[in-house]
Amino acid sequence: MTKCKGCGAEIVWIKTAAGKSMPCNSGKVTIVTEDGKTATGYIPHWATCPAAQKFKKSVNTDT
């Protein structure tokens, strides 16, 4: 496992369906979908990281 360079939390790297790597919190969670089914997976780390803003790419709006 690796640690987040912003907050030091342990993270795992997950491959998305598009083949990109996404940092996620290390603990798996189970959710219940709207139709009552359950799914197990990871929460993207950017959703909970207190230092997430440090890693966002700036968008240039000058045109």
PDB file of N, CA and C in Angstrom:
ATOM      1  N   MET A   1       0.840  -1.181   0.000  1.00  0.00           N
ATOM      2  CA  MET A   1       0.000   0.000   0.000  1.00  0.00           C
ATOM      3  C   MET A   1       0.885   1.245   0.000  1.00  0.00           C
ATOM      4  N   THR A   2       0.364   2.308  -0.557  1.00  0.00           N
ATOM      5  CA  THR A   2       1.093   3.566  -0.568  1.00  0.00           C
ATOM      6  C   THR A   2       0.372   4.567   0.329  1.00  0.00           C
ATOM      7  N   LYS A   3       1.017   5.680   0.581  1.00  0.00           N
ATOM      8  CA  LYS A   3       0.418   6.727   1.405  1.00  0.00           C
ATOM      9  C   LYS A   3       0.181   7.963   0.550  1.00  0.00           C
ATOM     10  N   CYS A   4      -0.886   8.668   0.846  1.00  0.00           N
ATOM     11  CA  CYS A   4      -1.211   9.921   0.170  1.00  0.00           C
ATOM     12  C   CYS A   4      -0.125  10.939   0.488  1.00  0.00           C
ATOM     13  N   LYS A   5       0.370  11.616  -0.529  1.00  0.00           N
ATOM     14  CA  LYS A   5       1.415  12.629  -0.335  1.00  0.00           C
ATOM     15  C   LYS A   5       0.859  13.893   0.322  1.00  0.00           C
ATOM     16  N   GLY A   6      -0.457  14.042   0.343  1.00  0.00           N
ATOM     17  CA  GLY A   6      -1.060  15.227   0.941  1.00  0.00           C
ATOM     18  C   GLY A   6      -1.403  15.070   2.409  1.00  0.00           C
ATOM     19  N   CYS A   7      -2.004  13.926   2.767  1.00  0.00           N
ATOM     20  CA  CYS A   7      -2.477  13.761   4.144  1.00  0.00           C
ATOM     21  C   CYS A   7      -1.847  12.570   4.871  1.00  0.00           C
ATOM     22  N   GLY A   8      -1.138  11.707   4.150  1.00  0.00           N
ATOM     23  CA  GLY A   8      -0.474  10.573   4.777  1.00  0.00           C
ATOM     24  C   GLY A   8      -1.338   9.337   4.963  1.00  0.00           C
ATOM     25  N   ALA A   9      -2.591   9.375   4.539  1.00  0.00           N
ATOM     26  CA  ALA A   9      -3.475   8.225   4.687  1.00  0.00           C
ATOM     27  C   ALA A   9      -3.044   7.097   3.750  1.00  0.00           C
ATOM     28  N   GLU A  10      -3.296   5.858   4.171  1.00  0.00           N
ATOM     29  CA  GLU A  10      -3.005   4.719   3.299  1.00  0.00           C
ATOM     30  C   GLU A  10      -4.031   4.680   2.173  1.00  0.00           C
ATOM     31  N   ILE A  11      -3.535   4.480   0.953  1.00  0.00           N
ATOM     32  CA  ILE A  11      -4.422   4.416  -0.208  1.00  0.00           C
ATOM     33  C   ILE A  11      -4.080   3.196  -1.053  1.00  0.00           C
ATOM     34  N   VAL A  12      -5.051   2.765  -1.838  1.00  0.00           N
ATOM     35  CA  VAL A  12      -4.841   1.711  -2.831  1.00  0.00           C
ATOM     36  C   VAL A  12      -5.133   2.322  -4.187  1.00  0.00           C
ATOM     37  N   TRP A  13      -4.490   1.787  -5.223  1.00  0.00           N
ATOM     38  CA  TRP A  13      -4.701   2.282  -6.581  1.00  0.00           C
ATOM     39  C   TRP A  13      -5.589   1.290  -7.313  1.00  0.00           C
ATOM     40  N   ILE A  14      -6.704   1.791  -7.839  1.00  0.00           N
ATOM     41  CA  ILE A  14      -7.684   0.980  -8.553  1.00  0.00           C
ATOM     42  C   ILE A  14      -7.648   1.363 -10.031  1.00  0.00           C
ATOM     43  N   LYS A  15      -7.734   0.378 -10.919  1.00  0.00           N
ATOM     44  CA  LYS A  15      -7.841   0.644 -12.357  1.00  0.00           C
ATOM     45  C   LYS A  15      -9.313   0.845 -12.693  1.00  0.00           C
ATOM     46  N   THR A  16      -9.621   1.966 -13.331  1.00  0.00           N
ATOM     47  CA  THR A  16     -11.002   2.228 -13.746  1.00  0.00           C
ATOM     48  C   THR A  16     -11.315   1.438 -15.018  1.00  0.00           C
ATOM     49  N   ALA A  17     -12.575   1.441 -15.422  1.00  0.00           N
ATOM     50  CA  ALA A  17     -12.978   0.759 -16.644  1.00  0.00           C
ATOM     51  C   ALA A  17     -12.277   1.364 -17.861  1.00  0.00           C
ATOM     52  N   ALA A  18     -11.900   2.650 -17.754  1.00  0.00           N
ATOM     53  CA  ALA A  18     -11.203   3.332 -18.849  1.00  0.00           C
ATOM     54  C   ALA A  18      -9.699   3.067 -18.823  1.00  0.00           C
ATOM     55  N   GLY A  19      -9.234   2.282 -17.837  1.00  0.00           N
ATOM     56  CA  GLY A  19      -7.820   1.937 -17.763  1.00  0.00           C
ATOM     57  C   GLY A  19      -6.954   2.939 -17.009  1.00  0.00           C
ATOM     58  N   LYS A  20      -7.581   3.926 -16.381  1.00  0.00           N
ATOM     59  CA  LYS A  20      -6.828   4.924 -15.620  1.00  0.00           C
ATOM     60  C   LYS A  20      -6.691   4.475 -14.164  1.00  0.00           C
ATOM     61  N   SER A  21      -5.639   4.930 -13.501  1.00  0.00           N
ATOM     62  CA  SER A  21      -5.429   4.615 -12.091  1.00  0.00           C
ATOM     63  C   SER A  21      -6.087   5.684 -11.226  1.00  0.00           C
ATOM     64  N   MET A  22      -6.810   5.235 -10.180  1.00  0.00           N
ATOM     65  CA  MET A  22      -7.496   6.157  -9.281  1.00  0.00           C
ATOM     66  C   MET A  22      -7.138   5.809  -7.844  1.00  0.00           C
ATOM     67  N   PRO A  23      -6.680   6.812  -7.049  1.00  0.00           N
ATOM     68  CA  PRO A  23      -6.380   6.537  -5.646  1.00  0.00           C
ATOM     69  C   PRO A  23      -7.680   6.412  -4.848  1.00  0.00           C
ATOM     70  N   CYS A  24      -7.737   5.386  -4.009  1.00  0.00           N
ATOM     71  CA  CYS A  24      -8.925   5.153  -3.190  1.00  0.00           C
ATOM     72  C   CYS A  24      -8.513   4.909  -1.745  1.00  0.00           C
ATOM     73  N   ASN A  25      -9.447   5.171  -0.822  1.00  0.00           N
ATOM     74  CA  ASN A  25      -9.212   4.843   0.578  1.00  0.00           C
ATOM     75  C   ASN A  25      -9.003   3.342   0.690  1.00  0.00           C
ATOM     76  N   SER A  26      -8.165   2.924   1.625  1.00  0.00           N
ATOM     77  CA  SER A  26      -7.751   1.526   1.682  1.00  0.00           C
ATOM     78  C   SER A  26      -8.845   0.569   2.147  1.00  0.00           C
ATOM     79  N   GLY A  27      -9.792   1.015   2.918  1.00  0.00           N
ATOM     80  CA  GLY A  27     -10.827   0.108   3.420  1.00  0.00           C
ATOM     81  C   GLY A  27     -11.990  -0.035   2.469  1.00  0.00           C
ATOM     82  N   LYS A  28     -12.391  -1.281   2.212  1.00  0.00           N
ATOM     83  CA  LYS A  28     -13.572  -1.504   1.374  1.00  0.00           C
ATOM     84  C   LYS A  28     -14.834  -1.147   2.145  1.00  0.00           C
ATOM     85  N   VAL A  29     -15.846  -0.684   1.423  1.00  0.00           N
ATOM     86  CA  VAL A  29     -17.143  -0.372   2.018  1.00  0.00           C
ATOM     87  C   VAL A  29     -18.231  -1.114   1.259  1.00  0.00           C
ATOM     88  N   THR A  30     -19.341  -1.356   1.928  1.00  0.00           N
ATOM     89  CA  THR A  30     -20.502  -1.961   1.285  1.00  0.00           C
ATOM     90  C   THR A  30     -21.595  -0.912   1.249  1.00  0.00           C
ATOM     91  N   ILE A  31     -22.205  -0.752   0.075  1.00  0.00           N
ATOM     92  CA  ILE A  31     -23.313   0.191  -0.064  1.00  0.00           C
ATOM     93  C   ILE A  31     -24.556  -0.577  -0.508  1.00  0.00           C
ATOM     94  N   VAL A  32     -25.695   0.037  -0.298  1.00  0.00           N
ATOM     95  CA  VAL A  32     -26.960  -0.523  -0.769  1.00  0.00           C
ATOM     96  C   VAL A  32     -27.467   0.395  -1.870  1.00  0.00           C
ATOM     97  N   THR A  33     -27.731  -0.172  -3.036  1.00  0.00           N
ATOM     98  CA  THR A  33     -28.206   0.629  -4.159  1.00  0.00           C
ATOM     99  C   THR A  33     -29.679   0.979  -3.981  1.00  0.00           C
ATOM    100  N   GLU A  34     -30.171   1.855  -4.817  1.00  0.00           N
ATOM    101  CA  GLU A  34     -31.570   2.275  -4.715  1.00  0.00           C
ATOM    102  C   GLU A  34     -32.550   1.128  -4.923  1.00  0.00           C
ATOM    103  N   ASP A  35     -32.132   0.103  -5.663  1.00  0.00           N
ATOM    104  CA  ASP A  35     -33.033  -1.032  -5.891  1.00  0.00           C
ATOM    105  C   ASP A  35     -32.820  -2.151  -4.861  1.00  0.00           C
ATOM    106  N   GLY A  36     -32.079  -1.863  -3.777  1.00  0.00           N
ATOM    107  CA  GLY A  36     -31.933  -2.805  -2.672  1.00  0.00           C
ATOM    108  C   GLY A  36     -30.787  -3.798  -2.803  1.00  0.00           C
ATOM    109  N   LYS A  37     -29.995  -3.713  -3.865  1.00  0.00           N
ATOM    110  CA  LYS A  37     -28.860  -4.609  -4.021  1.00  0.00           C
ATOM    111  C   LYS A  37     -27.663  -4.030  -3.276  1.00  0.00           C
ATOM    112  N   THR A  38     -26.703  -4.898  -2.961  1.00  0.00           N
ATOM    113  CA  THR A  38     -25.496  -4.421  -2.296  1.00  0.00           C
ATOM    114  C   THR A  38     -24.305  -4.504  -3.243  1.00  0.00           C
ATOM    115  N   ALA A  39     -23.345  -3.632  -3.005  1.00  0.00           N
ATOM    116  CA  ALA A  39     -22.108  -3.611  -3.783  1.00  0.00           C
ATOM    117  C   ALA A  39     -20.965  -3.291  -2.822  1.00  0.00           C
ATOM    118  N   THR A  40     -19.824  -3.928  -3.043  1.00  0.00           N
ATOM    119  CA  THR A  40     -18.646  -3.685  -2.219  1.00  0.00           C
ATOM    120  C   THR A  40     -17.586  -3.044  -3.085  1.00  0.00           C
ATOM    121  N   GLY A  41     -16.921  -2.032  -2.549  1.00  0.00           N
ATOM    122  CA  GLY A  41     -15.875  -1.359  -3.314  1.00  0.00           C
ATOM    123  C   GLY A  41     -15.127  -0.362  -2.457  1.00  0.00           C
ATOM    124  N   TYR A  42     -14.490   0.585  -3.121  1.00  0.00           N
ATOM    125  CA  TYR A  42     -13.657   1.568  -2.458  1.00  0.00           C
ATOM    126  C   TYR A  42     -14.206   2.967  -2.681  1.00  0.00           C
ATOM    127  N   ILE A  43     -13.917   3.879  -1.752  1.00  0.00           N
ATOM    128  CA  ILE A  43     -14.277   5.284  -1.891  1.00  0.00           C
ATOM    129  C   ILE A  43     -13.078   6.015  -2.499  1.00  0.00           C
ATOM    130  N   PRO A  44     -13.283   6.803  -3.562  1.00  0.00           N
ATOM    131  CA  PRO A  44     -12.169   7.562  -4.128  1.00  0.00           C
ATOM    132  C   PRO A  44     -11.551   8.451  -3.045  1.00  0.00           C
ATOM    133  N   HIS A  45     -10.228   8.450  -2.950  1.00  0.00           N
ATOM    134  CA  HIS A  45      -9.576   9.190  -1.872  1.00  0.00           C
ATOM    135  C   HIS A  45      -9.780  10.690  -1.990  1.00  0.00           C
ATOM    136  N   TRP A  46      -9.900  11.213  -3.208  1.00  0.00           N
ATOM    137  CA  TRP A  46     -10.111  12.649  -3.373  1.00  0.00           C
ATOM    138  C   TRP A  46     -11.406  13.123  -2.729  1.00  0.00           C
ATOM    139  N   ALA A  47     -12.344  12.212  -2.476  1.00  0.00           N
ATOM    140  CA  ALA A  47     -13.623  12.580  -1.859  1.00  0.00           C
ATOM    141  C   ALA A  47     -13.491  12.830  -0.360  1.00  0.00           C
ATOM    142  N   THR A  48     -12.431  12.296   0.263  1.00  0.00           N
ATOM    143  CA  THR A  48     -12.286  12.421   1.714  1.00  0.00           C
ATOM    144  C   THR A  48     -10.979  13.071   2.142  1.00  0.00           C
ATOM    145  N   CYS A  49     -10.059  13.290   1.234  1.00  0.00           N
ATOM    146  CA  CYS A  49      -8.730  13.813   1.575  1.00  0.00           C
ATOM    147  C   CYS A  49      -8.806  15.302   1.936  1.00  0.00           C
ATOM    148  N   PRO A  50      -8.299  15.683   3.112  1.00  0.00           N
ATOM    149  CA  PRO A  50      -8.312  17.098   3.466  1.00  0.00           C
ATOM    150  C   PRO A  50      -7.360  17.940   2.602  1.00  0.00           C
ATOM    151  N   ALA A  51      -6.452  17.292   1.894  1.00  0.00           N
ATOM    152  CA  ALA A  51      -5.492  18.009   1.050  1.00  0.00           C
ATOM    153  C   ALA A  51      -5.809  17.870  -0.435  1.00  0.00           C
ATOM    154  N   ALA A  52      -7.022  17.470  -0.783  1.00  0.00           N
ATOM    155  CA  ALA A  52      -7.387  17.199  -2.181  1.00  0.00           C
ATOM    156  C   ALA A  52      -7.180  18.404  -3.090  1.00  0.00           C
ATOM    157  N   GLN A  53      -7.401  19.614  -2.590  1.00  0.00           N
ATOM    158  CA  GLN A  53      -7.256  20.819  -3.415  1.00  0.00           C
ATOM    159  C   GLN A  53      -5.842  20.973  -3.961  1.00  0.00           C
ATOM    160  N   LYS A  54      -4.841  20.465  -3.231  1.00  0.00           N
ATOM    161  CA  LYS A  54      -3.448  20.578  -3.663  1.00  0.00           C
ATOM    162  C   LYS A  54      -3.199  19.830  -4.970  1.00  0.00           C
ATOM    163  N   PHE A  55      -4.036  18.842  -5.276  1.00  0.00           N
ATOM    164  CA  PHE A  55      -3.806  17.976  -6.425  1.00  0.00           C
ATOM    165  C   PHE A  55      -4.714  18.261  -7.608  1.00  0.00           C
ATOM    166  N   LYS A  56      -5.664  19.183  -7.443  1.00  0.00           N
ATOM    167  CA  LYS A  56      -6.561  19.509  -8.555  1.00  0.00           C
ATOM    168  C   LYS A  56      -5.821  20.312  -9.595  1.00  0.00           C
ATOM    169  N   LYS A  57      -6.032  19.947 -10.853  1.00  0.00           N
ATOM    170  CA  LYS A  57      -5.448  20.696 -11.951  1.00  0.00           C
ATOM    171  C   LYS A  57      -6.241  21.980 -12.149  1.00  0.00           C
ATOM    172  N   SER A  58      -5.536  23.082 -12.343  1.00  0.00           N
ATOM    173  CA  SER A  58      -6.241  24.343 -12.577  1.00  0.00           C
ATOM    174  C   SER A  58      -6.755  24.361 -14.004  1.00  0.00           C
ATOM    175  N   VAL A  59      -7.911  24.951 -14.173  1.00  0.00           N
ATOM    176  CA  VAL A  59      -8.538  25.059 -15.484  1.00  0.00           C
ATOM    177  C   VAL A  59      -8.312  26.471 -15.999  1.00  0.00           C
ATOM    178  N   ASN A  60      -7.723  26.580 -17.175  1.00  0.00           N
ATOM    179  CA  ASN A  60      -7.477  27.886 -17.768  1.00  0.00           C
ATOM    180  C   ASN A  60      -8.729  28.339 -18.496  1.00  0.00           C
ATOM    181  N   THR A  61      -9.328  29.430 -18.015  1.00  0.00           N
ATOM    182  CA  THR A  61     -10.569  29.925 -18.632  1.00  0.00           C
ATOM    183  C   THR A  61     -10.297  31.081 -19.587  1.00  0.00           C
ATOM    184  N   ASP A  62      -9.027  31.442 -19.772  1.00  0.00           N
ATOM    185  CA  ASP A  62      -8.695  32.510 -20.721  1.00  0.00           C
ATOM    186  C   ASP A  62      -8.803  31.978 -22.156  1.00  0.00           C
ATOM    187  N   THR A  63      -9.617  32.634 -22.940  1.00  0.00           N
ATOM    188  CA  THR A  63      -9.742  32.220 -24.351  1.00  0.00           C
ATOM    189  C   THR A  63      -9.680  33.408 -25.256  1.00  0.00           C
TER     190      THR A  63
END
